[in-house]
C-alpha atoms as a PDB file:
ATOM      1  CA  UNK A   1      43.772 169.830 127.644  1.00  0.00           C
ATOM      2  CA  UNK A   2      46.247 168.132 125.489  1.00  0.00           C
ATOM      3  CA  UNK A   3      48.875 165.780 127.005  1.00  0.00           C
ATOM      4  CA  UNK A   4      51.987 167.216 128.484  1.00  0.00           C
ATOM      5  CA  UNK A   5      55.226 166.524 126.624  1.00  0.00           C
ATOM      6  CA  UNK A   6      58.717 166.902 127.940  1.00  0.00           C
ATOM      7  CA  UNK A   7      61.549 168.929 126.369  1.00  0.00           C
ATOM      8  CA  UNK A   8      65.162 168.543 127.484  1.00  0.00           C
ATOM      9  CA  UNK A   9      66.914 171.814 128.271  1.00  0.00           C
ATOM     10  CA  UNK A  10      70.213 172.918 129.623  1.00  0.00           C
ATOM     11  CA  UNK A  11      71.072 175.959 131.788  1.00  0.00           C
ATOM     12  CA  UNK A  12      73.189 178.776 130.260  1.00  0.00           C
ATOM     13  CA  UNK A  13      75.803 180.263 132.357  1.00  0.00           C
ATOM     14  CA  UNK A  14      76.249 183.358 130.125  1.00  0.00           C
ATOM     15  CA  UNK A  15      73.730 185.632 128.362  1.00  0.00           C
ATOM     16  CA  UNK A  16      74.118 188.276 125.718  1.00  0.00           C
ATOM     17  CA  UNK A  17      74.564 188.284 121.894  1.00  0.00           C
ATOM     18  CA  UNK A  18      77.972 186.657 121.736  1.00  0.00           C
ATOM     19  CA  UNK A  19      76.829 183.859 124.008  1.00  0.00           C
ATOM     20  CA  UNK A  20      73.585 183.321 121.981  1.00  0.00           C
ATOM     21  CA  UNK A  21      75.637 183.080 118.785  1.00  0.00           C
ATOM     22  CA  UNK A  22      77.772 180.333 120.274  1.00  0.00           C
ATOM     23  CA  UNK A  23      74.708 178.454 121.367  1.00  0.00           C
ATOM     24  CA  UNK A  24      73.264 178.494 117.814  1.00  0.00           C
ATOM     25  CA  UNK A  25      76.545 177.358 116.382  1.00  0.00           C
ATOM     26  CA  UNK A  26      76.275 174.300 118.643  1.00  0.00           C
ATOM     27  CA  UNK A  27      72.893 173.553 117.060  1.00  0.00           C
ATOM     28  CA  UNK A  28      70.972 174.728 120.052  1.00  0.00           C
ATOM     29  CA  UNK A  29      68.476 177.569 120.529  1.00  0.00           C
ATOM     30  CA  UNK A  30      68.811 180.093 123.329  1.00  0.00           C
ATOM     31  CA  UNK A  31      65.673 180.571 125.421  1.00  0.00           C
ATOM     32  CA  UNK A  32      64.476 181.984 128.706  1.00  0.00           C
ATOM     33  CA  UNK A  33      62.089 181.005 131.433  1.00  0.00           C
ATOM     34  CA  UNK A  34      60.294 183.794 133.432  1.00  0.00           C
ATOM     35  CA  UNK A  35      57.269 184.391 135.563  1.00  0.00           C
ATOM     36  CA  UNK A  36      55.631 182.955 138.699  1.00  0.00           C
ATOM     37  CA  UNK A  37      57.482 185.492 140.827  1.00  0.00           C
ATOM     38  CA  UNK A  38      60.933 183.910 140.084  1.00  0.00           C
ATOM     39  CA  UNK A  39      64.062 185.182 138.463  1.00  0.00           C
ATOM     40  CA  UNK A  40      64.493 184.707 134.699  1.00  0.00           C
ATOM     41  CA  UNK A  41      66.288 181.556 133.830  1.00  0.00           C
ATOM     42  CA  UNK A  42      68.409 181.383 130.652  1.00  0.00           C
ATOM     43  CA  UNK A  43      68.405 177.976 129.047  1.00  0.00           C
ATOM     44  CA  UNK A  44      69.048 176.283 125.684  1.00  0.00           C
ATOM     45  CA  UNK A  45      67.252 173.525 123.742  1.00  0.00           C
ATOM     46  CA  UNK A  46      68.168 171.174 120.899  1.00  0.00           C
ATOM     47  CA  UNK A  47      67.165 172.841 117.534  1.00  0.00           C
ATOM     48  CA  UNK A  48      65.841 169.645 116.096  1.00  0.00           C
ATOM     49  CA  UNK A  49      63.584 168.952 119.065  1.00  0.00           C
ATOM     50  CA  UNK A  50      62.162 172.422 118.863  1.00  0.00           C
ATOM     51  CA  UNK A  51      61.598 172.272 115.044  1.00  0.00           C
ATOM     52  CA  UNK A  52      59.600 169.066 115.599  1.00  0.00           C
ATOM     53  CA  UNK A  53      57.368 170.829 118.172  1.00  0.00           C
ATOM     54  CA  UNK A  54      57.074 174.091 116.180  1.00  0.00           C
ATOM     55  CA  UNK A  55      55.725 172.137 113.203  1.00  0.00           C
ATOM     56  CA  UNK A  56      52.748 171.036 115.301  1.00  0.00           C
ATOM     57  CA  UNK A  57      49.785 173.355 115.212  1.00  0.00           C
ATOM     58  CA  UNK A  58      49.377 173.249 118.896  1.00  0.00           C
ATOM     59  CA  UNK A  59      52.899 174.511 119.813  1.00  0.00           C
ATOM     60  CA  UNK A  60      51.881 177.935 120.783  1.00  0.00           C
ATOM     61  CA  UNK A  61      49.002 176.841 123.104  1.00  0.00           C
ATOM     62  CA  UNK A  62      50.576 173.751 124.657  1.00  0.00           C
ATOM     63  CA  UNK A  63      51.929 173.097 127.994  1.00  0.00           C
ATOM     64  CA  UNK A  64      55.428 171.587 128.312  1.00  0.00           C
ATOM     65  CA  UNK A  65      57.555 170.139 131.087  1.00  0.00           C
ATOM     66  CA  UNK A  66      61.119 171.417 130.655  1.00  0.00           C
ATOM     67  CA  UNK A  67      63.578 168.844 132.009  1.00  0.00           C
ATOM     68  CA  UNK A  68      66.602 170.732 133.522  1.00  0.00           C
ATOM     69  CA  UNK A  69      69.246 168.880 135.580  1.00  0.00           C
ATOM     70  CA  UNK A  70      66.859 166.211 136.614  1.00  0.00           C
ATOM     71  CA  UNK A  71      64.142 168.674 137.679  1.00  0.00           C
ATOM     72  CA  UNK A  72      61.072 169.703 135.689  1.00  0.00           C
ATOM     73  CA  UNK A  73      59.559 173.164 135.179  1.00  0.00           C
ATOM     74  CA  UNK A  74      56.090 173.493 133.701  1.00  0.00           C
ATOM     75  CA  UNK A  75      55.861 176.179 131.062  1.00  0.00           C
ATOM     76  CA  UNK A  76      53.863 177.531 128.142  1.00  0.00           C
ATOM     77  CA  UNK A  77      55.397 179.122 125.048  1.00  0.00           C
ATOM     78  CA  UNK A  78      54.996 182.920 125.057  1.00  0.00           C
ATOM     79  CA  UNK A  79      56.805 183.687 121.908  1.00  0.00           C
ATOM     80  CA  UNK A  80      59.355 182.613 119.356  1.00  0.00           C
ATOM     81  CA  UNK A  81      61.861 184.743 117.402  1.00  0.00           C
ATOM     82  CA  UNK A  82      62.855 183.930 113.855  1.00  0.00           C
ATOM     83  CA  UNK A  83      65.375 185.501 111.482  1.00  0.00           C
ATOM     84  CA  UNK A  84      63.347 187.615 109.019  1.00  0.00           C
ATOM     85  CA  UNK A  85      65.609 186.735 106.132  1.00  0.00           C
ATOM     86  CA  UNK A  86      66.487 182.996 106.695  1.00  0.00           C
ATOM     87  CA  UNK A  87      63.438 182.126 108.807  1.00  0.00           C
ATOM     88  CA  UNK A  88      65.827 180.288 111.208  1.00  0.00           C
ATOM     89  CA  UNK A  89      64.644 179.932 114.808  1.00  0.00           C
ATOM     90  CA  UNK A  90      66.627 182.313 117.033  1.00  0.00           C
ATOM     91  CA  UNK A  91      65.028 182.424 120.501  1.00  0.00           C
ATOM     92  CA  UNK A  92      62.090 181.121 122.593  1.00  0.00           C
ATOM     93  CA  UNK A  93      60.376 182.652 125.579  1.00  0.00           C
ATOM     94  CA  UNK A  94      58.756 180.403 128.147  1.00  0.00           C
ATOM     95  CA  UNK A  95      56.353 181.402 130.957  1.00  0.00           C
ATOM     96  CA  UNK A  96      56.342 179.424 134.175  1.00  0.00           C
ATOM     97  CA  UNK A  97      52.812 178.197 134.896  1.00  0.00           C
ATOM     98  CA  UNK A  98      50.774 176.293 137.582  1.00  0.00           C
ATOM     99  CA  UNK A  99      47.209 175.112 137.635  1.00  0.00           C
ATOM    100  CA  UNK A 100      45.960 178.557 138.889  1.00  0.00           C
ATOM    101  CA  UNK A 101      47.785 180.509 136.049  1.00  0.00           C
ATOM    102  CA  UNK A 102      45.381 182.153 133.566  1.00  0.00           C
ATOM    103  CA  UNK A 103      46.565 183.056 130.145  1.00  0.00           C
ATOM    104  CA  UNK A 104      45.250 184.865 127.070  1.00  0.00           C
ATOM    105  CA  UNK A 105      45.890 182.635 124.166  1.00  0.00           C
ATOM    106  CA  UNK A 106      44.906 181.986 120.436  1.00  0.00           C
ATOM    107  CA  UNK A 107      43.159 178.635 119.946  1.00  0.00           C
ATOM    108  CA  UNK A 108      43.121 177.278 116.357  1.00  0.00           C
ATOM    109  CA  UNK A 109      39.819 176.284 114.728  1.00  0.00           C
ATOM    110  CA  UNK A 110      38.985 173.121 112.794  1.00  0.00           C
ATOM    111  CA  UNK A 111      36.236 172.397 110.357  1.00  0.00           C
ATOM    112  CA  UNK A 112      34.706 169.020 110.176  1.00  0.00           C
ATOM    113  CA  UNK A 113      32.509 167.202 107.508  1.00  0.00           C
ATOM    114  CA  UNK A 114      33.143 169.433 104.560  1.00  0.00           C
ATOM    115  CA  UNK A 115      31.969 166.627 102.307  1.00  0.00           C
ATOM    116  CA  UNK A 116      28.599 166.640 104.073  1.00  0.00           C
ATOM    117  CA  UNK A 117      27.862 170.259 103.344  1.00  0.00           C
ATOM    118  CA  UNK A 118      25.302 170.528 100.459  1.00  0.00           C
ATOM    119  CA  UNK A 119      26.644 173.974  99.805  1.00  0.00           C
ATOM    120  CA  UNK A 120      30.142 172.964  99.355  1.00  0.00           C
ATOM    121  CA  UNK A 121      29.014 169.981  97.276  1.00  0.00           C
ATOM    122  CA  UNK A 122      27.272 172.457  94.922  1.00  0.00           C
ATOM    123  CA  UNK A 123      30.586 174.388  94.508  1.00  0.00           C
ATOM    124  CA  UNK A 124      30.344 176.702  97.475  1.00  0.00           C
ATOM    125  CA  UNK A 125      33.557 177.938  99.130  1.00  0.00           C
ATOM    126  CA  UNK A 126      34.430 177.892 102.764  1.00  0.00           C
ATOM    127  CA  UNK A 127      35.410 181.441 103.570  1.00  0.00           C
ATOM    128  CA  UNK A 128      37.342 181.341 106.880  1.00  0.00           C
ATOM    129  CA  UNK A 129      37.001 184.673 108.852  1.00  0.00           C
ATOM    130  CA  UNK A 130      38.977 183.466 111.847  1.00  0.00           C
ATOM    131  CA  UNK A 131      41.689 180.752 111.854  1.00  0.00           C
ATOM    132  CA  UNK A 132      42.144 181.201 115.635  1.00  0.00           C
ATOM    133  CA  UNK A 133      39.919 182.423 118.514  1.00  0.00           C
ATOM    134  CA  UNK A 134      41.488 184.366 121.415  1.00  0.00           C
ATOM    135  CA  UNK A 135      40.304 183.072 124.819  1.00  0.00           C
ATOM    136  CA  UNK A 136      41.176 183.506 128.483  1.00  0.00           C
ATOM    137  CA  UNK A 137      41.544 180.398 130.550  1.00  0.00           C
ATOM    138  CA  UNK A 138      43.388 178.467 133.184  1.00  0.00           C
ATOM    139  CA  UNK A 139      46.540 176.724 131.693  1.00  0.00           C
ATOM    140  CA  UNK A 140      44.997 173.329 132.597  1.00  0.00           C
ATOM    141  CA  UNK A 141      41.966 174.012 130.446  1.00  0.00           C
ATOM    142  CA  UNK A 142      43.511 175.276 127.230  1.00  0.00           C
ATOM    143  CA  UNK A 143      41.665 173.771 124.313  1.00  0.00           C
ATOM    144  CA  UNK A 144      43.734 172.036 121.602  1.00  0.00           C
ATOM    145  CA  UNK A 145      41.215 173.496 119.106  1.00  0.00           C
ATOM    146  CA  UNK A 146      37.654 174.589 118.470  1.00  0.00           C
ATOM    147  CA  UNK A 147      35.729 172.256 116.127  1.00  0.00           C
ATOM    148  CA  UNK A 148      32.944 173.329 113.775  1.00  0.00           C
ATOM    149  CA  UNK A 149      30.647 170.871 111.976  1.00  0.00           C
ATOM    150  CA  UNK A 150      29.873 171.829 108.509  1.00  0.00           C
ATOM    151  CA  UNK A 151      27.226 168.978 107.892  1.00  0.00           C
ATOM    152  CA  UNK A 152      24.031 170.241 106.383  1.00  0.00           C
ATOM    153  CA  UNK A 153      25.245 173.815 105.698  1.00  0.00           C
ATOM    154  CA  UNK A 154      24.168 175.537 102.516  1.00  0.00           C
ATOM    155  CA  UNK A 155      25.555 178.403 100.490  1.00  0.00           C
ATOM    156  CA  UNK A 156      24.914 181.572 102.444  1.00  0.00           C
ATOM    157  CA  UNK A 157      25.092 179.904 105.856  1.00  0.00           C
ATOM    158  CA  UNK A 158      27.453 181.402 108.506  1.00  0.00           C
ATOM    159  CA  UNK A 159      29.336 179.541 111.261  1.00  0.00           C
ATOM    160  CA  UNK A 160      29.364 181.316 114.602  1.00  0.00           C
ATOM    161  CA  UNK A 161      31.393 180.825 117.813  1.00  0.00           C
ATOM    162  CA  UNK A 162      28.175 179.499 119.469  1.00  0.00           C
ATOM    163  CA  UNK A 163      28.356 176.506 117.080  1.00  0.00           C
ATOM    164  CA  UNK A 164      31.182 174.855 118.914  1.00  0.00           C
ATOM    165  CA  UNK A 165      31.519 173.571 122.462  1.00  0.00           C
ATOM    166  CA  UNK A 166      33.458 175.740 124.851  1.00  0.00           C
ATOM    167  CA  UNK A 167      34.365 174.232 128.251  1.00  0.00           C
ATOM    168  CA  UNK A 168      33.595 175.950 131.552  1.00  0.00           C
ATOM    169  CA  UNK A 169      36.323 178.389 132.493  1.00  0.00           C
ATOM    170  CA  UNK A 170      37.198 179.123 128.852  1.00  0.00           C
ATOM    171  CA  UNK A 171      36.101 182.536 127.751  1.00  0.00           C
ATOM    172  CA  UNK A 172      36.439 184.127 124.312  1.00  0.00           C
ATOM    173  CA  UNK A 173      37.867 187.709 124.646  1.00  0.00           C
ATOM    174  CA  UNK A 174      35.054 188.864 122.356  1.00  0.00           C
ATOM    175  CA  UNK A 175      31.973 188.759 124.635  1.00  0.00           C
ATOM    176  CA  UNK A 176      29.531 191.284 123.172  1.00  0.00           C
ATOM    177  CA  UNK A 177      28.366 189.241 120.216  1.00  0.00           C
ATOM    178  CA  UNK A 178      28.142 185.785 118.645  1.00  0.00           C
ATOM    179  CA  UNK A 179      30.947 186.510 116.239  1.00  0.00           C
ATOM    180  CA  UNK A 180      31.412 184.769 112.826  1.00  0.00           C
ATOM    181  CA  UNK A 181      34.100 182.312 112.341  1.00  0.00           C
ATOM    182  CA  UNK A 182      33.438 181.291 108.752  1.00  0.00           C
ATOM    183  CA  UNK A 183      30.749 181.306 106.037  1.00  0.00           C
ATOM    184  CA  UNK A 184      29.958 179.356 102.918  1.00  0.00           C
ATOM    185  CA  UNK A 185      30.019 181.629  99.819  1.00  0.00           C
ATOM    186  CA  UNK A 186      28.704 181.076  96.425  1.00  0.00           C
ATOM    187  CA  UNK A 187      31.537 180.166  93.868  1.00  0.00           C
ATOM    188  CA  UNK A 188      32.866 183.135  91.849  1.00  0.00           C
ATOM    189  CA  UNK A 189      31.709 181.490  88.613  1.00  0.00           C
ATOM    190  CA  UNK A 190      28.104 181.178  89.889  1.00  0.00           C
ATOM    191  CA  UNK A 191      28.100 184.797  91.175  1.00  0.00           C
ATOM    192  CA  UNK A 192      29.447 186.017  87.746  1.00  0.00           C
ATOM    193  CA  UNK A 193      26.770 183.967  85.940  1.00  0.00           C
ATOM    194  CA  UNK A 194      24.041 185.361  88.063  1.00  0.00           C
ATOM    195  CA  UNK A 195      25.378 188.957  87.598  1.00  0.00           C
ATOM    196  CA  UNK A 196      25.432 188.519  83.874  1.00  0.00           C
ATOM    197  CA  UNK A 197      21.852 187.214  83.809  1.00  0.00           C
ATOM    198  CA  UNK A 198      20.747 190.156  85.952  1.00  0.00           C
ATOM    199  CA  UNK A 199      22.430 192.626  83.674  1.00  0.00           C
ATOM    200  CA  UNK A 200      20.915 190.796  80.536  1.00  0.00           C
ATOM    201  CA  UNK A 201      17.347 191.049  82.114  1.00  0.00           C
ATOM    202  CA  UNK A 202      17.917 194.726  82.851  1.00  0.00           C
ATOM    203  CA  UNK A 203      19.027 195.285  79.222  1.00  0.00           C
ATOM    204  CA  UNK A 204      15.960 193.590  78.007  1.00  0.00           C
ATOM    205  CA  UNK A 205      13.816 195.720  80.285  1.00  0.00           C
ATOM    206  CA  UNK A 206      15.463 198.833  79.046  1.00  0.00           C
ATOM    207  CA  UNK A 207      15.087 197.824  75.481  1.00  0.00           C
ATOM    208  CA  UNK A 208      11.375 197.259  75.941  1.00  0.00           C
ATOM    209  CA  UNK A 209      11.085 200.623  77.526  1.00  0.00           C
ATOM    210  CA  UNK A 210      12.822 202.248  74.696  1.00  0.00           C
ATOM    211  CA  UNK A 211      10.639 200.540  72.185  1.00  0.00           C
ATOM    212  CA  UNK A 212       7.608 201.621  74.044  1.00  0.00           C
ATOM    213  CA  UNK A 213       8.755 205.139  74.132  1.00  0.00           C
ATOM    214  CA  UNK A 214       9.443 205.231  70.422  1.00  0.00           C
ATOM    215  CA  UNK A 215       6.070 203.722  69.584  1.00  0.00           C
ATOM    216  CA  UNK A 216       4.302 206.312  71.606  1.00  0.00           C
ATOM    217  CA  UNK A 217       5.956 209.254  69.707  1.00  0.00           C
ATOM    218  CA  UNK A 218       3.898 208.918  66.494  1.00  0.00           C
ATOM    219  CA  UNK A 219       0.745 208.933  68.399  1.00  0.00           C
ATOM    220  CA  UNK A 220       1.694 212.014  70.296  1.00  0.00           C
ATOM    221  CA  UNK A 221       2.710 213.684  66.958  1.00  0.00           C
ATOM    222  CA  UNK A 222      -0.672 212.821  65.423  1.00  0.00           C
ATOM    223  CA  UNK A 223      -2.513 214.224  68.303  1.00  0.00           C
ATOM    224  CA  UNK A 224      -0.611 217.548  67.770  1.00  0.00           C
END
């Protein structure tokens, strides 16, 4: 599990569209905390602090301590809302958690040692099938990422979920197969060249067959 960072937040006395607009004008982002059998709690956070965290790849699968009026509430991000036109952050949903809370979450994947893959050295392309893997796990066991080692892999090799270490208590939601995460494909230029060669060979064979057919015609006519 990653380290737990603290974000400062303030309680909001009012809710609603007009209140949220005033919060944003003050360079803050409206948010809400819910879950754990307690009433929803409207809060606001500094937009700069949130932007820094959002730019981190682990933002959506990370535990935070929200510091509100000298008390701390442990949460995980459940969702963010952004303006579809300006891409500006508009709202954040937080879920209260404790060590027993289980969540379904997307964990990012990372690929290591690309330079040690003979297939990639020869011009192969890493084709990523899944950039994240959905898992169910307790909040205190959320992985920062799943790492896959590409060392020694050739063109045509596939990387499966079984090729990474998964801690006890962490379960992928796909359980019925050893699903593919990525594969190393031949470069398009190589594929095109091989296809052209195959077509050329087929053309030569067709030409030989045609010549053989034409050569056999006089013999057949003589027999007649």
